[in-house]
Amino acid sequence: MTNDETPILLRYELSPHEAPSEGVYFALATLLHRSPLDLDPLDDAVDPDALDALFRRRRGGELRSVEFEYLGYKICVCATEIQIHRSSP
């Protein structure tokens, strides 16, 4: 998913009906041992509606991935999973 050399801190598998924006909250909350409700708003880093829309089922089986920084971590989202990496200095 990413060519980055930073190790994956957490790999979170999205359930078939889970929105990627929700998955980001749950993945990072798991890593940080916090409630998803205690995290800063995702829209400080990315538009959650746009993120979810990007991964809605499309014809042709196009593969997509998105990377962004959130709460000091690099978040990599694809259709089936979320990977969390340390941010590069």
C-alpha atoms as a PDB file:
ATOM      1  CA  MET A   1       0.000   0.000   0.000  1.00  0.00           C
ATOM      2  CA  THR A   2       2.820   2.381   0.721  1.00  0.00           C
ATOM      3  CA  ASN A   3       6.445   2.368  -0.359  1.00  0.00           C
ATOM      4  CA  ASP A   4       7.456   4.053   2.873  1.00  0.00           C
ATOM      5  CA  GLU A   5      10.200   2.420   4.934  1.00  0.00           C
ATOM      6  CA  THR A   6       8.504   3.193   8.258  1.00  0.00           C
ATOM      7  CA  PRO A   7       7.165   0.087   9.982  1.00  0.00           C
ATOM      8  CA  ILE A   8       3.463  -0.453  10.372  1.00  0.00           C
ATOM      9  CA  LEU A   9       2.404   0.214  13.962  1.00  0.00           C
ATOM     10  CA  LEU A  10      -1.114  -1.131  13.457  1.00  0.00           C
ATOM     11  CA  ARG A  11      -3.017  -2.834  10.661  1.00  0.00           C
ATOM     12  CA  TYR A  12      -6.801  -2.534  11.018  1.00  0.00           C
ATOM     13  CA  GLU A  13      -9.139  -4.555   8.811  1.00  0.00           C
ATOM     14  CA  LEU A  14     -12.291  -2.716   7.789  1.00  0.00           C
ATOM     15  CA  SER A  15     -15.535  -4.634   8.077  1.00  0.00           C
ATOM     16  CA  PRO A  16     -17.565  -4.771   4.842  1.00  0.00           C
ATOM     17  CA  HIS A  17     -20.054  -2.137   6.035  1.00  0.00           C
ATOM     18  CA  GLU A  18     -17.640   0.103   7.960  1.00  0.00           C
ATOM     19  CA  ALA A  19     -16.925   3.554   6.570  1.00  0.00           C
ATOM     20  CA  PRO A  20     -13.192   4.281   6.218  1.00  0.00           C
ATOM     21  CA  SER A  21     -13.572   7.457   8.296  1.00  0.00           C
ATOM     22  CA  GLU A  22     -14.983   5.399  11.191  1.00  0.00           C
ATOM     23  CA  GLY A  23     -12.220   2.848  10.746  1.00  0.00           C
ATOM     24  CA  VAL A  24      -9.566   5.550  11.148  1.00  0.00           C
ATOM     25  CA  TYR A  25     -11.041   6.520  14.523  1.00  0.00           C
ATOM     26  CA  PHE A  26     -11.248   2.925  15.740  1.00  0.00           C
ATOM     27  CA  ALA A  27      -7.772   2.020  14.470  1.00  0.00           C
ATOM     28  CA  LEU A  28      -6.075   4.985  16.109  1.00  0.00           C
ATOM     29  CA  ALA A  29      -8.088   4.586  19.309  1.00  0.00           C
ATOM     30  CA  THR A  30      -6.925   0.966  19.464  1.00  0.00           C
ATOM     31  CA  LEU A  31      -3.296   1.986  18.994  1.00  0.00           C
ATOM     32  CA  LEU A  32      -3.526   4.751  21.606  1.00  0.00           C
ATOM     33  CA  HIS A  33      -5.696   2.791  24.071  1.00  0.00           C
ATOM     34  CA  ARG A  34      -8.279   5.571  24.064  1.00  0.00           C
ATOM     35  CA  SER A  35     -11.919   5.952  23.199  1.00  0.00           C
ATOM     36  CA  PRO A  36     -12.595   7.084  19.616  1.00  0.00           C
ATOM     37  CA  LEU A  37     -14.712   9.844  21.164  1.00  0.00           C
ATOM     38  CA  ASP A  38     -11.597  11.278  22.835  1.00  0.00           C
ATOM     39  CA  LEU A  39      -9.735  11.821  19.545  1.00  0.00           C
ATOM     40  CA  ASP A  40      -9.520  15.155  17.743  1.00  0.00           C
ATOM     41  CA  PRO A  41     -11.927  15.582  14.820  1.00  0.00           C
ATOM     42  CA  LEU A  42     -10.794  13.764  11.699  1.00  0.00           C
ATOM     43  CA  ASP A  43     -11.735  16.759   9.580  1.00  0.00           C
ATOM     44  CA  ASP A  44      -8.696  18.541  11.018  1.00  0.00           C
ATOM     45  CA  ALA A  45      -6.713  16.244   8.664  1.00  0.00           C
ATOM     46  CA  VAL A  46      -9.068  15.085   5.902  1.00  0.00           C
ATOM     47  CA  ASP A  47     -12.701  15.515   4.850  1.00  0.00           C
ATOM     48  CA  PRO A  48     -14.413  12.374   6.276  1.00  0.00           C
ATOM     49  CA  ASP A  49     -17.268  12.515   3.745  1.00  0.00           C
ATOM     50  CA  ALA A  50     -14.840  12.747   0.829  1.00  0.00           C
ATOM     51  CA  LEU A  51     -12.773   9.883   2.248  1.00  0.00           C
ATOM     52  CA  ASP A  52     -15.853   7.661   2.543  1.00  0.00           C
ATOM     53  CA  ALA A  53     -17.082   8.631  -0.930  1.00  0.00           C
ATOM     54  CA  LEU A  54     -13.737   7.737  -2.461  1.00  0.00           C
ATOM     55  CA  PHE A  55     -14.056   4.141  -1.265  1.00  0.00           C
ATOM     56  CA  ARG A  56     -17.691   3.491  -2.119  1.00  0.00           C
ATOM     57  CA  ARG A  57     -18.001   0.539  -4.466  1.00  0.00           C
ATOM     58  CA  ARG A  58     -17.189   1.509  -8.036  1.00  0.00           C
ATOM     59  CA  ARG A  59     -17.367  -0.355 -11.320  1.00  0.00           C
ATOM     60  CA  GLY A  60     -14.161  -1.665 -12.806  1.00  0.00           C
ATOM     61  CA  GLY A  61     -12.551  -2.688  -9.513  1.00  0.00           C
ATOM     62  CA  GLU A  62     -10.301   0.354  -9.357  1.00  0.00           C
ATOM     63  CA  LEU A  63      -7.788   0.170  -6.516  1.00  0.00           C
ATOM     64  CA  ARG A  64      -7.477   3.305  -4.439  1.00  0.00           C
ATOM     65  CA  SER A  65      -5.419   4.368  -1.472  1.00  0.00           C
ATOM     66  CA  VAL A  66      -5.115   7.603   0.467  1.00  0.00           C
ATOM     67  CA  GLU A  67      -2.398   8.730   2.857  1.00  0.00           C
ATOM     68  CA  PHE A  68      -2.615  11.630   5.286  1.00  0.00           C
ATOM     69  CA  GLU A  69      -1.221  12.829   8.614  1.00  0.00           C
ATOM     70  CA  TYR A  70      -3.464  12.699  11.666  1.00  0.00           C
ATOM     71  CA  LEU A  71      -2.515  13.160  15.336  1.00  0.00           C
ATOM     72  CA  GLY A  72       1.180  12.708  14.560  1.00  0.00           C
ATOM     73  CA  TYR A  73       0.744   9.475  12.577  1.00  0.00           C
ATOM     74  CA  LYS A  74       0.685   8.660   8.899  1.00  0.00           C
ATOM     75  CA  ILE A  75      -2.628   7.012   8.067  1.00  0.00           C
ATOM     76  CA  CYS A  76      -2.852   4.839   4.938  1.00  0.00           C
ATOM     77  CA  VAL A  77      -6.391   3.895   3.916  1.00  0.00           C
ATOM     78  CA  CYS A  78      -7.407   1.428   1.228  1.00  0.00           C
ATOM     79  CA  ALA A  79     -10.685  -0.377   0.519  1.00  0.00           C
ATOM     80  CA  THR A  80     -10.081  -3.236   2.971  1.00  0.00           C
ATOM     81  CA  GLU A  81      -7.695  -1.951   5.629  1.00  0.00           C
ATOM     82  CA  ILE A  82      -6.077   0.936   7.408  1.00  0.00           C
ATOM     83  CA  GLN A  83      -2.381   1.047   8.249  1.00  0.00           C
ATOM     84  CA  ILE A  84      -0.917   3.384  10.836  1.00  0.00           C
ATOM     85  CA  HIS A  85       2.751   4.402  10.606  1.00  0.00           C
ATOM     86  CA  ARG A  86       4.895   6.808  12.559  1.00  0.00           C
ATOM     87  CA  SER A  87       5.069  10.149  10.808  1.00  0.00           C
ATOM     88  CA  SER A  88       8.370  10.972   9.183  1.00  0.00           C
ATOM     89  CA  PRO A  89      10.291  13.678  11.022  1.00  0.00           C
END
